[in-house]
C-alpha atoms as a PDB file:
ATOM      1  CA  UNK A   1      51.653 -15.511  50.747  1.00  0.00           C
ATOM      2  CA  UNK A   2      46.524  -5.609  45.586  1.00  0.00           C
ATOM      3  CA  UNK A   3      43.165  -4.024  45.480  1.00  0.00           C
ATOM      4  CA  UNK A   4      41.607  -2.511  42.359  1.00  0.00           C
ATOM      5  CA  UNK A   5      37.974  -2.743  41.286  1.00  0.00           C
ATOM      6  CA  UNK A   6      37.799  -4.473  37.901  1.00  0.00           C
ATOM      7  CA  UNK A   7      35.093  -5.002  35.336  1.00  0.00           C
ATOM      8  CA  UNK A   8      35.369  -8.558  34.045  1.00  0.00           C
ATOM      9  CA  UNK A   9      33.472  -9.907  31.023  1.00  0.00           C
ATOM     10  CA  UNK A  10      31.829 -13.288  30.587  1.00  0.00           C
ATOM     11  CA  UNK A  11      33.645 -16.030  28.705  1.00  0.00           C
ATOM     12  CA  UNK A  12      31.212 -15.717  25.831  1.00  0.00           C
ATOM     13  CA  UNK A  13      32.395 -12.154  25.313  1.00  0.00           C
ATOM     14  CA  UNK A  14      36.064 -13.090  25.420  1.00  0.00           C
ATOM     15  CA  UNK A  15      36.371 -14.365  21.859  1.00  0.00           C
ATOM     16  CA  UNK A  16      37.366 -11.457  19.684  1.00  0.00           C
ATOM     17  CA  UNK A  17      37.414  -9.063  22.636  1.00  0.00           C
ATOM     18  CA  UNK A  18      40.100  -6.382  23.007  1.00  0.00           C
ATOM     19  CA  UNK A  19      43.314  -7.411  24.772  1.00  0.00           C
ATOM     20  CA  UNK A  20      42.377  -5.218  27.755  1.00  0.00           C
ATOM     21  CA  UNK A  21      39.759  -7.802  28.749  1.00  0.00           C
ATOM     22  CA  UNK A  22      42.357 -10.554  28.967  1.00  0.00           C
ATOM     23  CA  UNK A  23      44.514  -8.212  31.037  1.00  0.00           C
ATOM     24  CA  UNK A  24      41.603  -7.812  33.462  1.00  0.00           C
ATOM     25  CA  UNK A  25      41.329 -11.579  33.819  1.00  0.00           C
ATOM     26  CA  UNK A  26      45.048 -11.852  34.504  1.00  0.00           C
ATOM     27  CA  UNK A  27      44.808  -9.034  37.034  1.00  0.00           C
ATOM     28  CA  UNK A  28      42.113 -10.960  38.906  1.00  0.00           C
ATOM     29  CA  UNK A  29      44.359 -14.025  38.897  1.00  0.00           C
ATOM     30  CA  UNK A  30      47.323 -11.969  40.095  1.00  0.00           C
ATOM     31  CA  UNK A  31      45.402 -10.423  42.963  1.00  0.00           C
ATOM     32  CA  UNK A  32      44.010 -13.772  44.099  1.00  0.00           C
ATOM     33  CA  UNK A  33      47.486 -15.332  43.901  1.00  0.00           C
ATOM     34  CA  UNK A  34      48.880 -12.529  46.068  1.00  0.00           C
ATOM     35  CA  UNK A  35      46.048 -12.582  48.631  1.00  0.00           C
ATOM     36  CA  UNK A  36      48.288 -13.521  51.567  1.00  0.00           C
ATOM     37  CA  UNK A  37      51.478 -12.009  50.193  1.00  0.00           C
ATOM     38  CA  UNK A  38      52.985  -8.589  49.771  1.00  0.00           C
ATOM     39  CA  UNK A  39      56.480  -7.225  49.229  1.00  0.00           C
ATOM     40  CA  UNK A  40      57.217  -8.387  52.755  1.00  0.00           C
ATOM     41  CA  UNK A  41      55.246 -10.562  55.142  1.00  0.00           C
ATOM     42  CA  UNK A  42      55.537 -12.545  58.354  1.00  0.00           C
ATOM     43  CA  UNK A  43      53.193 -15.209  59.647  1.00  0.00           C
ATOM     44  CA  UNK A  44      52.633 -17.810  62.326  1.00  0.00           C
ATOM     45  CA  UNK A  45      50.972 -20.941  60.955  1.00  0.00           C
ATOM     46  CA  UNK A  46      49.906 -24.390  62.028  1.00  0.00           C
ATOM     47  CA  UNK A  47      50.514 -27.318  59.690  1.00  0.00           C
ATOM     48  CA  UNK A  48      48.504 -30.535  59.939  1.00  0.00           C
ATOM     49  CA  UNK A  49      49.752 -33.446  57.824  1.00  0.00           C
ATOM     50  CA  UNK A  50      47.670 -36.604  57.469  1.00  0.00           C
ATOM     51  CA  UNK A  51      48.993 -39.603  55.539  1.00  0.00           C
ATOM     52  CA  UNK A  52      48.209 -43.313  55.501  1.00  0.00           C
ATOM     53  CA  UNK A  53      51.158 -43.853  57.871  1.00  0.00           C
ATOM     54  CA  UNK A  54      51.051 -40.927  60.303  1.00  0.00           C
ATOM     55  CA  UNK A  55      49.571 -37.625  61.387  1.00  0.00           C
ATOM     56  CA  UNK A  56      51.785 -34.696  62.225  1.00  0.00           C
ATOM     57  CA  UNK A  57      51.001 -31.246  63.617  1.00  0.00           C
ATOM     58  CA  UNK A  58      53.512 -28.423  63.671  1.00  0.00           C
ATOM     59  CA  UNK A  59      53.595 -24.742  64.472  1.00  0.00           C
ATOM     60  CA  UNK A  60      55.893 -22.627  62.356  1.00  0.00           C
ATOM     61  CA  UNK A  61      56.922 -19.032  61.759  1.00  0.00           C
ATOM     62  CA  UNK A  62      57.503 -17.639  58.283  1.00  0.00           C
ATOM     63  CA  UNK A  63      59.223 -14.521  56.958  1.00  0.00           C
ATOM     64  CA  UNK A  64      59.212 -13.502  53.282  1.00  0.00           C
ATOM     65  CA  UNK A  65      60.776 -10.607  51.371  1.00  0.00           C
ATOM     66  CA  UNK A  66      60.293 -10.126  47.617  1.00  0.00           C
ATOM     67  CA  UNK A  67      62.104  -6.799  47.420  1.00  0.00           C
ATOM     68  CA  UNK A  68      65.113  -6.559  45.143  1.00  0.00           C
ATOM     69  CA  UNK A  69      63.766  -8.956  42.525  1.00  0.00           C
ATOM     70  CA  UNK A  70      64.774 -12.126  44.391  1.00  0.00           C
ATOM     71  CA  UNK A  71      62.459 -13.950  46.763  1.00  0.00           C
ATOM     72  CA  UNK A  72      63.848 -14.638  50.225  1.00  0.00           C
ATOM     73  CA  UNK A  73      62.067 -16.883  52.709  1.00  0.00           C
ATOM     74  CA  UNK A  74      62.905 -18.182  56.182  1.00  0.00           C
ATOM     75  CA  UNK A  75      60.735 -20.831  57.845  1.00  0.00           C
ATOM     76  CA  UNK A  76      61.380 -22.038  61.381  1.00  0.00           C
ATOM     77  CA  UNK A  77      59.549 -24.830  63.216  1.00  0.00           C
ATOM     78  CA  UNK A  78      58.367 -23.707  66.664  1.00  0.00           C
ATOM     79  CA  UNK A  79      56.995 -27.038  67.846  1.00  0.00           C
ATOM     80  CA  UNK A  80      56.428 -29.752  68.851  1.00  0.00           C
ATOM     81  CA  UNK A  81      59.710 -30.425  70.632  1.00  0.00           C
ATOM     82  CA  UNK A  82      60.727 -33.208  68.235  1.00  0.00           C
ATOM     83  CA  UNK A  83      60.897 -30.733  65.347  1.00  0.00           C
ATOM     84  CA  UNK A  84      61.625 -27.469  67.159  1.00  0.00           C
ATOM     85  CA  UNK A  85      64.451 -25.500  65.584  1.00  0.00           C
ATOM     86  CA  UNK A  86      64.326 -27.139  62.156  1.00  0.00           C
ATOM     87  CA  UNK A  87      64.555 -24.421  59.537  1.00  0.00           C
ATOM     88  CA  UNK A  88      64.339 -23.716  55.820  1.00  0.00           C
ATOM     89  CA  UNK A  89      66.050 -20.823  54.048  1.00  0.00           C
ATOM     90  CA  UNK A  90      65.238 -19.930  50.450  1.00  0.00           C
ATOM     91  CA  UNK A  91      67.131 -17.267  48.522  1.00  0.00           C
ATOM     92  CA  UNK A  92      66.139 -17.152  44.882  1.00  0.00           C
ATOM     93  CA  UNK A  93      66.344 -20.742  43.622  1.00  0.00           C
ATOM     94  CA  UNK A  94      68.698 -21.918  46.396  1.00  0.00           C
ATOM     95  CA  UNK A  95      67.209 -23.899  49.267  1.00  0.00           C
ATOM     96  CA  UNK A  96      68.916 -24.791  52.560  1.00  0.00           C
ATOM     97  CA  UNK A  97      67.588 -27.044  55.329  1.00  0.00           C
ATOM     98  CA  UNK A  98      68.803 -26.904  58.935  1.00  0.00           C
ATOM     99  CA  UNK A  99      68.699 -29.837  61.364  1.00  0.00           C
ATOM    100  CA  UNK A 100      69.408 -28.552  64.912  1.00  0.00           C
ATOM    101  CA  UNK A 101      70.111 -32.000  66.366  1.00  0.00           C
ATOM    102  CA  UNK A 102      72.961 -32.505  63.940  1.00  0.00           C
ATOM    103  CA  UNK A 103      73.728 -28.781  63.795  1.00  0.00           C
ATOM    104  CA  UNK A 104      73.984 -29.269  60.054  1.00  0.00           C
ATOM    105  CA  UNK A 105      72.845 -27.231  57.048  1.00  0.00           C
ATOM    106  CA  UNK A 106      72.007 -29.149  53.870  1.00  0.00           C
ATOM    107  CA  UNK A 107      71.984 -27.393  50.509  1.00  0.00           C
ATOM    108  CA  UNK A 108      69.170 -29.002  48.530  1.00  0.00           C
ATOM    109  CA  UNK A 109      70.487 -30.405  45.262  1.00  0.00           C
ATOM    110  CA  UNK A 110      68.537 -31.513  42.207  1.00  0.00           C
ATOM    111  CA  UNK A 111      68.314 -35.104  43.504  1.00  0.00           C
ATOM    112  CA  UNK A 112      66.457 -33.873  46.615  1.00  0.00           C
ATOM    113  CA  UNK A 113      63.907 -31.623  44.924  1.00  0.00           C
ATOM    114  CA  UNK A 114      61.251 -34.342  44.830  1.00  0.00           C
ATOM    115  CA  UNK A 115      61.619 -35.129  48.553  1.00  0.00           C
ATOM    116  CA  UNK A 116      58.788 -34.254  50.907  1.00  0.00           C
ATOM    117  CA  UNK A 117      59.232 -31.066  52.908  1.00  0.00           C
ATOM    118  CA  UNK A 118      58.892 -31.852  56.638  1.00  0.00           C
ATOM    119  CA  UNK A 119      56.775 -34.921  55.846  1.00  0.00           C
ATOM    120  CA  UNK A 120      54.063 -32.846  54.158  1.00  0.00           C
ATOM    121  CA  UNK A 121      52.494 -33.053  50.698  1.00  0.00           C
ATOM    122  CA  UNK A 122      54.731 -30.173  49.625  1.00  0.00           C
ATOM    123  CA  UNK A 123      58.059 -31.050  48.025  1.00  0.00           C
ATOM    124  CA  UNK A 124      61.347 -29.187  48.213  1.00  0.00           C
ATOM    125  CA  UNK A 125      60.711 -28.358  44.556  1.00  0.00           C
ATOM    126  CA  UNK A 126      57.474 -26.585  45.533  1.00  0.00           C
ATOM    127  CA  UNK A 127      59.511 -24.269  47.755  1.00  0.00           C
ATOM    128  CA  UNK A 128      62.216 -23.635  45.155  1.00  0.00           C
ATOM    129  CA  UNK A 129      59.871 -22.602  42.356  1.00  0.00           C
ATOM    130  CA  UNK A 130      58.917 -18.940  42.143  1.00  0.00           C
ATOM    131  CA  UNK A 131      55.752 -19.413  40.102  1.00  0.00           C
ATOM    132  CA  UNK A 132      53.461 -16.415  39.774  1.00  0.00           C
ATOM    133  CA  UNK A 133      50.222 -17.395  38.116  1.00  0.00           C
ATOM    134  CA  UNK A 134      49.578 -14.168  36.188  1.00  0.00           C
ATOM    135  CA  UNK A 135      53.219 -13.906  35.099  1.00  0.00           C
ATOM    136  CA  UNK A 136      53.727 -17.505  33.986  1.00  0.00           C
ATOM    137  CA  UNK A 137      50.238 -18.484  32.771  1.00  0.00           C
ATOM    138  CA  UNK A 138      47.655 -17.158  30.317  1.00  0.00           C
ATOM    139  CA  UNK A 139      44.128 -16.996  31.744  1.00  0.00           C
ATOM    140  CA  UNK A 140      40.908 -17.872  29.944  1.00  0.00           C
ATOM    141  CA  UNK A 141      37.562 -17.474  31.668  1.00  0.00           C
ATOM    142  CA  UNK A 142      35.563 -20.712  31.776  1.00  0.00           C
ATOM    143  CA  UNK A 143      32.645 -19.657  33.944  1.00  0.00           C
ATOM    144  CA  UNK A 144      31.289 -16.712  35.917  1.00  0.00           C
ATOM    145  CA  UNK A 145      28.504 -16.863  38.482  1.00  0.00           C
ATOM    146  CA  UNK A 146      27.111 -15.154  41.573  1.00  0.00           C
ATOM    147  CA  UNK A 147      26.925 -16.936  44.900  1.00  0.00           C
ATOM    148  CA  UNK A 148      27.352 -16.795  48.664  1.00  0.00           C
ATOM    149  CA  UNK A 149      30.653 -16.712  50.517  1.00  0.00           C
ATOM    150  CA  UNK A 150      32.062 -16.242  54.024  1.00  0.00           C
ATOM    151  CA  UNK A 151      31.990 -12.486  53.371  1.00  0.00           C
ATOM    152  CA  UNK A 152      28.523 -12.311  51.814  1.00  0.00           C
ATOM    153  CA  UNK A 153      27.302 -12.349  48.226  1.00  0.00           C
ATOM    154  CA  UNK A 154      30.187 -12.472  45.752  1.00  0.00           C
ATOM    155  CA  UNK A 155      31.003 -13.047  42.103  1.00  0.00           C
ATOM    156  CA  UNK A 156      32.939 -16.197  41.256  1.00  0.00           C
ATOM    157  CA  UNK A 157      35.238 -16.795  38.286  1.00  0.00           C
ATOM    158  CA  UNK A 158      36.701 -20.066  37.077  1.00  0.00           C
ATOM    159  CA  UNK A 159      39.773 -19.738  34.853  1.00  0.00           C
ATOM    160  CA  UNK A 160      41.808 -22.154  32.822  1.00  0.00           C
ATOM    161  CA  UNK A 161      45.477 -21.245  33.146  1.00  0.00           C
ATOM    162  CA  UNK A 162      47.876 -22.427  30.438  1.00  0.00           C
ATOM    163  CA  UNK A 163      51.662 -21.924  30.689  1.00  0.00           C
ATOM    164  CA  UNK A 164      53.201 -19.201  28.581  1.00  0.00           C
ATOM    165  CA  UNK A 165      55.706 -20.564  26.009  1.00  0.00           C
ATOM    166  CA  UNK A 166      58.876 -19.953  28.035  1.00  0.00           C
ATOM    167  CA  UNK A 167      57.413 -20.286  31.546  1.00  0.00           C
ATOM    168  CA  UNK A 168      59.517 -22.476  33.913  1.00  0.00           C
ATOM    169  CA  UNK A 169      56.534 -24.307  35.432  1.00  0.00           C
ATOM    170  CA  UNK A 170      55.662 -27.897  36.314  1.00  0.00           C
ATOM    171  CA  UNK A 171      51.937 -27.899  35.517  1.00  0.00           C
ATOM    172  CA  UNK A 172      50.478 -28.153  32.013  1.00  0.00           C
ATOM    173  CA  UNK A 173      47.172 -26.662  33.130  1.00  0.00           C
ATOM    174  CA  UNK A 174      45.591 -25.165  36.243  1.00  0.00           C
ATOM    175  CA  UNK A 175      41.868 -24.659  36.781  1.00  0.00           C
ATOM    176  CA  UNK A 176      41.666 -21.717  39.172  1.00  0.00           C
ATOM    177  CA  UNK A 177      38.540 -20.447  40.938  1.00  0.00           C
ATOM    178  CA  UNK A 178      38.467 -17.024  42.595  1.00  0.00           C
ATOM    179  CA  UNK A 179      35.859 -14.784  44.166  1.00  0.00           C
ATOM    180  CA  UNK A 180      35.452 -11.039  43.863  1.00  0.00           C
ATOM    181  CA  UNK A 181      33.505  -8.886  46.312  1.00  0.00           C
ATOM    182  CA  UNK A 182      33.970  -5.160  45.954  1.00  0.00           C
ATOM    183  CA  UNK A 183      37.712  -4.557  46.041  1.00  0.00           C
ATOM    184  CA  UNK A 184      38.492  -7.996  47.505  1.00  0.00           C
ATOM    185  CA  UNK A 185      39.712 -10.830  45.260  1.00  0.00           C
ATOM    186  CA  UNK A 186      40.498 -14.203  46.868  1.00  0.00           C
ATOM    187  CA  UNK A 187      41.432 -17.692  45.693  1.00  0.00           C
ATOM    188  CA  UNK A 188      38.908 -20.473  46.322  1.00  0.00           C
ATOM    189  CA  UNK A 189      40.354 -23.556  44.650  1.00  0.00           C
ATOM    190  CA  UNK A 190      43.173 -24.566  42.315  1.00  0.00           C
ATOM    191  CA  UNK A 191      43.281 -27.901  40.473  1.00  0.00           C
ATOM    192  CA  UNK A 192      46.680 -28.814  39.026  1.00  0.00           C
ATOM    193  CA  UNK A 193      47.025 -30.958  35.892  1.00  0.00           C
ATOM    194  CA  UNK A 194      50.390 -32.369  34.839  1.00  0.00           C
ATOM    195  CA  UNK A 195      49.504 -32.133  31.136  1.00  0.00           C
ATOM    196  CA  UNK A 196      47.091 -29.852  29.309  1.00  0.00           C
ATOM    197  CA  UNK A 197      44.976 -32.734  27.992  1.00  0.00           C
ATOM    198  CA  UNK A 198      44.730 -34.548  31.329  1.00  0.00           C
ATOM    199  CA  UNK A 199      41.126 -34.845  32.480  1.00  0.00           C
ATOM    200  CA  UNK A 200      41.853 -35.439  36.165  1.00  0.00           C
ATOM    201  CA  UNK A 201      44.058 -33.225  38.343  1.00  0.00           C
ATOM    202  CA  UNK A 202      47.107 -34.545  40.148  1.00  0.00           C
ATOM    203  CA  UNK A 203      46.658 -32.188  43.076  1.00  0.00           C
ATOM    204  CA  UNK A 204      44.133 -29.701  44.421  1.00  0.00           C
ATOM    205  CA  UNK A 205      44.500 -26.755  46.758  1.00  0.00           C
ATOM    206  CA  UNK A 206      41.467 -25.239  48.493  1.00  0.00           C
ATOM    207  CA  UNK A 207      41.281 -21.919  50.357  1.00  0.00           C
ATOM    208  CA  UNK A 208      38.698 -21.497  53.130  1.00  0.00           C
ATOM    209  CA  UNK A 209      37.823 -19.666  56.370  1.00  0.00           C
ATOM    210  CA  UNK A 210      38.067 -16.059  55.172  1.00  0.00           C
ATOM    211  CA  UNK A 211      39.224 -13.712  57.949  1.00  0.00           C
ATOM    212  CA  UNK A 212      40.565 -10.182  58.285  1.00  0.00           C
ATOM    213  CA  UNK A 213      44.300 -10.186  58.978  1.00  0.00           C
ATOM    214  CA  UNK A 214      46.726  -7.290  58.729  1.00  0.00           C
ATOM    215  CA  UNK A 215      43.915  -5.098  57.436  1.00  0.00           C
ATOM    216  CA  UNK A 216      42.899  -7.337  54.537  1.00  0.00           C
ATOM    217  CA  UNK A 217      40.573 -10.264  54.036  1.00  0.00           C
ATOM    218  CA  UNK A 218      42.474 -13.504  53.465  1.00  0.00           C
ATOM    219  CA  UNK A 219      41.689 -17.238  53.343  1.00  0.00           C
ATOM    220  CA  UNK A 220      43.087 -18.388  56.677  1.00  0.00           C
ATOM    221  CA  UNK A 221      43.138 -22.096  55.759  1.00  0.00           C
ATOM    222  CA  UNK A 222      44.811 -23.768  52.773  1.00  0.00           C
ATOM    223  CA  UNK A 223      44.397 -27.521  52.197  1.00  0.00           C
ATOM    224  CA  UNK A 224      46.437 -29.553  49.705  1.00  0.00           C
ATOM    225  CA  UNK A 225      45.264 -32.971  48.536  1.00  0.00           C
ATOM    226  CA  UNK A 226      46.988 -35.429  46.200  1.00  0.00           C
ATOM    227  CA  UNK A 227      44.437 -37.300  44.102  1.00  0.00           C
ATOM    228  CA  UNK A 228      46.435 -40.552  44.085  1.00  0.00           C
ATOM    229  CA  UNK A 229      46.386 -40.599  47.903  1.00  0.00           C
ATOM    230  CA  UNK A 230      42.725 -40.419  48.996  1.00  0.00           C
ATOM    231  CA  UNK A 231      42.176 -39.354  52.578  1.00  0.00           C
ATOM    232  CA  UNK A 232      45.574 -37.678  52.847  1.00  0.00           C
ATOM    233  CA  UNK A 233      46.116 -33.931  53.092  1.00  0.00           C
ATOM    234  CA  UNK A 234      48.338 -31.132  54.304  1.00  0.00           C
ATOM    235  CA  UNK A 235      46.500 -28.194  55.885  1.00  0.00           C
ATOM    236  CA  UNK A 236      48.065 -24.823  56.671  1.00  0.00           C
ATOM    237  CA  UNK A 237      46.202 -22.454  59.004  1.00  0.00           C
ATOM    238  CA  UNK A 238      47.258 -18.839  59.473  1.00  0.00           C
ATOM    239  CA  UNK A 239      47.194 -17.815  63.138  1.00  0.00           C
ATOM    240  CA  UNK A 240      48.933 -14.461  62.644  1.00  0.00           C
ATOM    241  CA  UNK A 241      49.790 -12.505  59.509  1.00  0.00           C
ATOM    242  CA  UNK A 242      51.559  -9.173  59.052  1.00  0.00           C
ATOM    243  CA  UNK A 243      52.084  -7.558  55.659  1.00  0.00           C
ATOM    244  CA  UNK A 244      54.370  -4.785  54.422  1.00  0.00           C
ATOM    245  CA  UNK A 245      56.576  -4.803  57.498  1.00  0.00           C
ATOM    246  CA  UNK A 246      60.249  -3.987  57.852  1.00  0.00           C
ATOM    247  CA  UNK A 247      62.338  -7.182  57.827  1.00  0.00           C
ATOM    248  CA  UNK A 248      66.127  -6.761  58.115  1.00  0.00           C
ATOM    249  CA  UNK A 249      68.323  -8.451  55.519  1.00  0.00           C
ATOM    250  CA  UNK A 250      70.050 -10.329  58.364  1.00  0.00           C
ATOM    251  CA  UNK A 251      66.883 -12.414  58.774  1.00  0.00           C
ATOM    252  CA  UNK A 252      67.706 -14.278  55.540  1.00  0.00           C
ATOM    253  CA  UNK A 253      71.178 -15.574  56.357  1.00  0.00           C
ATOM    254  CA  UNK A 254      72.587 -18.940  57.364  1.00  0.00           C
ATOM    255  CA  UNK A 255      73.305 -17.475  60.791  1.00  0.00           C
ATOM    256  CA  UNK A 256      69.605 -16.682  61.221  1.00  0.00           C
ATOM    257  CA  UNK A 257      68.710 -20.163  59.948  1.00  0.00           C
ATOM    258  CA  UNK A 258      70.803 -21.747  62.729  1.00  0.00           C
ATOM    259  CA  UNK A 259      69.357 -19.671  65.570  1.00  0.00           C
END
């Protein structure tokens, strides 16, 4: 899951402003979206899923490589024992799931995209999509203010993101809040609306517990909530993160998925 100091103007100055201002807003969005990502990355995370029916905690390892214009991701479950060895391999828009007990690899078809991934509030479709907020959405500044954060006084920005005409995205609108402190830009909260005119979001994602990992400040905790399921959540916590590392191409193969 980028560091330039930007001058960003208030929303009241946006109307009639030069295009460069809008570019600055989109650059802030891009940098926040890429806070825990780089061309390559590896991480160890803990996932806590709470639903009305069960709670589930898992530890997983994640490798990602965006080089070559096609995203490649391998996720392997480290524990608990019931789930150990389960894996997910993503190459471009193709998704494969490995079940070690059956020693079987399933290629996720269109009928499975809406299924929950490992019992979480993420779907297989969430993993397949390669949405980049600054690339697929146009940003408009709604509010700017100064406030406190885990890393001291910071400037906050709230954007309304609207899909570009040909963007292959699922959300009709995203309200995205980020903070800027010096050269650091981080996401704080994203609210996802199915349609542009919807007044209530379908899902929210919050980013908390800012820490220094791999030489950069990142939100170590990400929590997803579905508004139609109060009290439920999926929380991902970074325990280790390495960015811009050498990952061999052999890591993103079906053979590696089965190991």
